[in-house]
C-alpha atoms as a PDB file:
ATOM      1  CA  MET A   1      62.224 116.611  95.452  1.00  0.00           C
ATOM      2  CA  PRO A   2      62.108 113.625  93.101  1.00  0.00           C
ATOM      3  CA  ARG A   3      64.312 110.681  94.048  1.00  0.00           C
ATOM      4  CA  ASN A   4      66.326 110.803  90.799  1.00  0.00           C
ATOM      5  CA  ARG A   5      67.090 114.473  91.339  1.00  0.00           C
ATOM      6  CA  MET A   6      68.224 113.736  94.888  1.00  0.00           C
ATOM      7  CA  LEU A   7      70.505 110.971  93.611  1.00  0.00           C
ATOM      8  CA  THR A   8      72.007 113.356  91.073  1.00  0.00           C
ATOM      9  CA  GLN A   9      72.556 115.970  93.756  1.00  0.00           C
ATOM     10  CA  ILE A  10      74.252 113.385  95.980  1.00  0.00           C
ATOM     11  CA  ASP A  11      76.487 112.356  93.061  1.00  0.00           C
ATOM     12  CA  ASP A  12      77.560 115.987  92.691  1.00  0.00           C
ATOM     13  CA  GLU A  13      78.150 116.266  96.428  1.00  0.00           C
ATOM     14  CA  LEU A  14      80.226 113.071  96.368  1.00  0.00           C
ATOM     15  CA  MET A  15      82.448 114.422  93.611  1.00  0.00           C
ATOM     16  CA  LEU A  16      83.072 117.600  95.610  1.00  0.00           C
ATOM     17  CA  ALA A  17      83.716 115.664  98.826  1.00  0.00           C
ATOM     18  CA  LYS A  18      86.223 113.372  97.085  1.00  0.00           C
ATOM     19  CA  ALA A  19      88.023 116.384  95.617  1.00  0.00           C
ATOM     20  CA  ALA A  20      88.183 117.954  99.078  1.00  0.00           C
ATOM     21  CA  LEU A  21      89.505 114.704 100.520  1.00  0.00           C
ATOM     22  CA  ASN A  22      92.258 114.614  97.875  1.00  0.00           C
ATOM     23  CA  PHE A  23      93.182 118.195  98.756  1.00  0.00           C
ATOM     24  CA  TRP A  24      93.421 117.440 102.474  1.00  0.00           C
ATOM     25  CA  ARG A  25      95.436 114.287 101.844  1.00  0.00           C
ATOM     26  CA  GLU A  26      97.946 116.383  99.908  1.00  0.00           C
ATOM     27  CA  GLN A  27      98.062 118.822 102.803  1.00  0.00           C
ATOM     28  CA  THR A  28      99.011 116.045 105.228  1.00  0.00           C
ATOM     29  CA  LEU A  29     102.118 115.482 103.110  1.00  0.00           C
ATOM     30  CA  LEU A  30     103.033 119.144 102.653  1.00  0.00           C
ATOM     31  CA  ALA A  31     101.992 120.833 105.875  1.00  0.00           C
ATOM     32  CA  ASP A  32     104.156 121.608 108.874  1.00  0.00           C
ATOM     33  CA  LEU A  33     103.550 119.502 111.958  1.00  0.00           C
ATOM     34  CA  PRO A  34     100.858 121.691 113.643  1.00  0.00           C
ATOM     35  CA  LEU A  35      98.957 122.105 110.388  1.00  0.00           C
ATOM     36  CA  ARG A  36      99.345 118.427 109.527  1.00  0.00           C
ATOM     37  CA  ALA A  37      97.161 117.497 112.507  1.00  0.00           C
ATOM     38  CA  CYS A  38      94.427 119.801 111.185  1.00  0.00           C
ATOM     39  CA  ALA A  39      94.726 118.290 107.719  1.00  0.00           C
ATOM     40  CA  GLU A  40      94.500 114.758 109.145  1.00  0.00           C
ATOM     41  CA  ARG A  41      91.371 115.727 111.060  1.00  0.00           C
ATOM     42  CA  ALA A  42      89.878 117.226 107.904  1.00  0.00           C
ATOM     43  CA  CYS A  43      90.615 113.956 106.076  1.00  0.00           C
ATOM     44  CA  LYS A  44      88.750 111.970 108.710  1.00  0.00           C
ATOM     45  CA  LEU A  45      85.783 114.326 108.527  1.00  0.00           C
ATOM     46  CA  GLN A  46      85.678 114.145 104.726  1.00  0.00           C
ATOM     47  CA  GLU A  47      85.881 110.337 104.815  1.00  0.00           C
ATOM     48  CA  LYS A  48      82.952 110.237 107.245  1.00  0.00           C
ATOM     49  CA  HIS A  49      80.994 112.661 105.056  1.00  0.00           C
ATOM     50  CA  ILE A  50      81.618 110.475 101.993  1.00  0.00           C
ATOM     51  CA  GLU A  51      80.470 107.359 103.872  1.00  0.00           C
ATOM     52  CA  GLN A  52      77.262 109.129 104.908  1.00  0.00           C
ATOM     53  CA  LEU A  53      76.569 110.264 101.355  1.00  0.00           C
ATOM     54  CA  ILE A  54      77.088 106.740 100.027  1.00  0.00           C
ATOM     55  CA  ASP A  55      74.750 105.341 102.699  1.00  0.00           C
ATOM     56  CA  ILE A  56      72.059 107.855 101.754  1.00  0.00           C
ATOM     57  CA  GLN A  57      72.581 107.143  98.064  1.00  0.00           C
ATOM     58  CA  GLU A  58      72.227 103.382  98.612  1.00  0.00           C
ATOM     59  CA  HIS A  59      69.104 103.898 100.722  1.00  0.00           C
ATOM     60  CA  LEU A  60      67.501 106.043  98.025  1.00  0.00           C
ATOM     61  CA  ALA A  61      68.418 103.498  95.355  1.00  0.00           C
ATOM     62  CA  ASP A  62      66.819 100.714  97.420  1.00  0.00           C
ATOM     63  CA  MET A  63      63.641 102.767  97.777  1.00  0.00           C
ATOM     64  CA  GLY A  64      63.202 102.688  94.010  1.00  0.00           C
ATOM     65  CA  LYS A  65      63.348  98.908  93.769  1.00  0.00           C
ATOM     66  CA  PRO A  66      60.099  96.939  93.816  1.00  0.00           C
ATOM     67  CA  ALA A  67      59.469  94.976  97.003  1.00  0.00           C
ATOM     68  CA  GLU A  68      60.370  91.303  96.848  1.00  0.00           C
ATOM     69  CA  VAL A  69      57.523  88.842  97.297  1.00  0.00           C
ATOM     70  CA  SER A  70      58.283  85.758  99.374  1.00  0.00           C
END
C-alpha cells in the first residue's frame, strides 16, 4: 500500500477514534455508576488507540522525508 494512502487511511481512523472518544466521554457524564466505570475504561482505551495512530502517522511522515546529510 502506498505511504500516502496509508496516511489517508490513518486520518480516517483518527477521525473515527476521536468521535468514539467523544461518545464515551459523554457516557461518563450520563451513565449510572457501574456503567460509568466501563465508559471510563473505554475512554482510556480510545485515548491509547489515538496515541498509537498518531505515532504511526508521524513515523510514516518521517519515512517520506529525505535523509539529512551531516
